[in-house]
């Protein structure tokens, strides 16, 4: 009976139009939210974007060379937690190790491999010099 009354007075069409309008408004709101999220993500740093996607991230922020002795210098590295997890899975660290120590192990290995490929050093030999880690906080460290 209700259906018949709604059909006679055109209420069923009004309700259908209202439902369509509500669905369109919801779609527009979702699209606007997605666009806002994409714009916010575009404004973020590469580290923030990688972290939001759940991807490992590491970057050299700066390279410093001692002006008095060009053989000495350091790299300023930045990384996210997913990179630390990746390094732990690769055997560079264990739970409880400071992040900087884990990254240092990886960086030494990376540098040693590059020198070995260039024929400058054997991969298993320790390269002369020292590495000093200055913790900057917020997942950053300077490695000298």
Protein backbone atom coordinates (compact mmCIF):
# COMPACT_ATOMS: atom_id res chain seq x y z
CA UNK A 1 0.00 0.00 0.00
CA UNK A 2 2.82 2.40 0.88
CA UNK A 3 4.48 1.68 -2.44
CA UNK A 4 1.28 2.48 -4.30
CA UNK A 5 0.83 5.81 -2.48
CA UNK A 6 4.46 6.75 -3.11
CA UNK A 7 4.06 5.89 -6.78
CA UNK A 8 0.79 7.82 -7.14
CA UNK A 9 2.25 11.01 -5.65
CA UNK A 10 5.70 10.62 -7.27
CA UNK A 11 7.38 10.21 -3.91
CA UNK A 12 9.27 7.14 -5.17
CA UNK A 13 10.96 9.28 -7.86
CA UNK A 14 11.84 11.97 -5.33
CA UNK A 15 13.34 9.35 -3.00
CA UNK A 16 15.34 7.82 -5.87
CA UNK A 17 16.65 11.28 -6.88
CA UNK A 18 17.52 12.00 -3.26
CA UNK A 19 19.42 8.69 -2.98
CA UNK A 20 21.30 9.48 -6.20
CA UNK A 21 22.16 12.96 -4.94
CA UNK A 22 23.40 11.56 -1.62
CA UNK A 23 25.54 8.97 -3.44
CA UNK A 24 26.97 11.68 -5.73
CA UNK A 25 27.72 13.92 -2.73
CA UNK A 26 29.44 11.05 -0.92
CA UNK A 27 31.50 10.28 -4.02
CA UNK A 28 32.46 13.95 -4.35
CA UNK A 29 33.48 14.08 -0.68
CA UNK A 30 35.61 10.94 -1.05
CA UNK A 31 37.20 12.31 -4.21
CA UNK A 32 37.93 15.62 -2.47
CA UNK A 33 39.46 13.78 0.51
CA UNK A 34 41.62 11.69 -1.83
CA UNK A 35 42.72 14.82 -3.71
CA UNK A 36 43.53 16.56 -0.42
CA UNK A 37 45.51 13.53 0.74
CA UNK A 38 47.40 13.38 -2.58
CA UNK A 39 48.17 17.11 -2.40
CA UNK A 40 49.38 16.73 1.17
CA UNK A 41 51.55 13.76 0.17
CA UNK A 42 52.98 15.73 -2.77
CA UNK A 43 54.07 18.48 -0.36
CA UNK A 44 55.82 15.97 1.90
CA UNK A 45 59.49 14.99 1.73
CA UNK A 46 60.68 11.87 -0.11
CA UNK A 47 61.25 10.24 3.30
CA UNK A 48 57.68 11.02 4.38
CA UNK A 49 56.29 9.69 1.09
CA UNK A 50 58.29 6.45 1.38
CA UNK A 51 57.24 6.05 5.01
CA UNK A 52 53.57 6.64 4.11
CA UNK A 53 53.87 3.90 1.45
CA UNK A 54 55.61 1.58 3.95
CA UNK A 55 58.81 1.52 1.89
CA UNK A 56 62.42 1.60 3.14
CA UNK A 57 64.15 4.94 2.65
CA UNK A 58 67.77 6.07 2.94
CA UNK A 59 69.38 9.17 1.49
CA UNK A 60 72.62 11.11 1.63
CA UNK A 61 71.58 14.55 2.88
CA UNK A 62 74.98 16.15 2.65
CA UNK A 63 78.63 15.39 2.05
CA UNK A 64 81.27 17.26 4.01
CA UNK A 65 84.96 17.34 3.06
CA UNK A 66 87.68 18.61 5.38
CA UNK A 67 89.13 21.62 3.56
CA UNK A 68 92.54 21.07 5.20
CA UNK A 69 92.68 17.37 4.36
CA UNK A 70 90.45 16.17 1.52
CA UNK A 71 90.99 12.56 2.62
CA UNK A 72 88.72 13.23 5.59
CA UNK A 73 85.06 14.06 5.57
CA UNK A 74 81.68 12.64 6.35
CA UNK A 75 78.24 11.93 4.95
CA UNK A 76 75.02 12.99 6.60
CA UNK A 77 72.47 10.21 6.11
CA UNK A 78 68.74 10.10 6.70
CA UNK A 79 66.60 6.95 6.91
CA UNK A 80 63.25 5.64 8.09
CA UNK A 81 62.31 2.73 10.34
CA UNK A 82 61.50 0.47 7.39
CA UNK A 83 65.11 0.82 6.19
CA UNK A 84 66.34 -0.31 9.62
CA UNK A 85 64.02 -3.33 9.46
CA UNK A 86 65.36 -4.12 5.97
CA UNK A 87 68.95 -3.90 7.24
CA UNK A 88 68.16 -6.16 10.21
CA UNK A 89 66.60 -8.71 7.86
CA UNK A 90 69.79 -8.55 5.76
CA UNK A 91 71.90 -9.30 8.84
CA UNK A 92 73.30 -5.83 9.61
CA UNK A 93 71.75 -5.53 13.05
CA UNK A 94 69.76 -7.04 15.84
CA UNK A 95 66.99 -5.84 18.11
CA UNK A 96 68.53 -3.55 20.69
CA UNK A 97 71.30 -2.27 18.39
CA UNK A 98 71.22 1.51 17.93
CA UNK A 99 69.94 2.46 14.47
CA UNK A 100 73.13 4.44 13.80
CA UNK A 101 75.27 1.34 14.44
CA UNK A 102 73.16 -0.74 12.06
CA UNK A 103 73.41 1.93 9.33
CA UNK A 104 77.15 2.24 10.00
CA UNK A 105 77.66 -1.51 9.41
CA UNK A 106 75.74 -1.27 6.15
CA UNK A 107 77.57 1.87 5.03
CA UNK A 108 81.00 0.35 5.76
CA UNK A 109 80.04 -2.74 3.79
CA UNK A 110 78.73 -0.62 0.93
CA UNK A 111 81.90 1.52 0.82
CA UNK A 112 84.12 -1.57 1.03
CA UNK A 113 82.25 -3.24 -1.83
CA UNK A 114 82.55 -0.12 -3.99
CA UNK A 115 86.30 0.06 -3.35
CA UNK A 116 86.68 -3.65 -4.07
CA UNK A 117 84.80 -3.29 -7.37
CA UNK A 118 87.12 -0.42 -8.27
CA UNK A 119 90.11 -2.61 -7.46
CA UNK A 120 91.25 -0.32 -4.65
CA UNK A 121 90.80 -2.73 -1.72
CA UNK A 122 89.90 -6.32 -1.02
CA UNK A 123 86.32 -6.72 0.19
CA UNK A 124 87.37 -8.46 3.42
CA UNK A 125 90.12 -6.01 4.37
CA UNK A 126 89.42 -3.13 6.69
CA UNK A 127 89.94 0.22 5.07
CA UNK A 128 92.15 2.64 6.97
CA UNK A 129 90.72 5.49 8.98
CA UNK A 130 87.87 5.66 11.40
CA UNK A 131 84.17 6.25 11.35
CA UNK A 132 82.64 8.57 13.91
CA UNK A 133 78.85 8.61 14.29
CA UNK A 134 77.24 11.82 15.54
CA UNK A 135 73.58 11.22 16.40
CA UNK A 136 71.44 14.13 15.29
CA UNK A 137 68.14 12.68 16.48
CA UNK A 138 64.96 12.18 14.48
CA UNK A 139 66.51 9.24 12.59
CA UNK A 140 69.51 11.24 11.37
CA UNK A 141 73.22 10.87 11.99
CA UNK A 142 76.44 12.31 10.64
CA UNK A 143 78.99 9.63 9.82
CA UNK A 144 82.61 10.82 9.68
